[in-house]
């Protein structure tokens, strides 16, 4: 957009020429075209971005693989990134990718490459409040903060707490009820499980859901440079 005169949210920016823009943002099933969400994803990313992008193309991908099961979606995402990384550096497009498939990184599914940068968004804990700083930093997103977002969305506290207990057990889960919570709050406290009951304003819900994603950025060094706003 900067190339056609649009404002850039920074004090200054140096952006090279872009010969193509490929996106996978929000896919919806369509009766008129007879394609599922996953098939639309494949058409947008696999068929077009992988086959037609060049070293001067910009590829924007958000939540690829949501339309199928987790293993298949994660596998195709990792394979797509690996495909680009196997190319000579000059042929690798500029790729901005956001995903909730944390296992892609945790399981080491991506090859090591100087073209790959891992970015996440900064957060801070102020007392019992989770604060969204809206600042990009190097690193890997360790959590999707699902419990926090569920609380912000208005789900009953007891339901969210039970979800946290089930996740912390990591195995067979005892029935929920008086005297039957071997994996309840006390046990979680003994294990050093973090408190997840941070409060935030309801107006932050949309931002929380959109921003707590692990971001992967493939780039040519120096091709996209920004001065912090």
Foldseek 3Di string as FASTA:
>chain_A
DVVVPDDDQFPDKFADAADEEAEADDFCDDPVVRDHSLRVLCVRPVVDVQPPAFLRHEYEYEAAQPRDDLVVRLVVVLVSQQSLQPDDNSGRHKYKYWHASLVCVVVVSHDDDPQKFKKAFDWDQDPQAIGGPRDIDGDWQPDLLVLLLCVLVPDDPVVSQVVVLVVVVVDDAWDDDPPTHPSHDVVCVVVVNDDSRHDDHSVCNVVSNPGGTIMMTGHDPPNIDGHHD
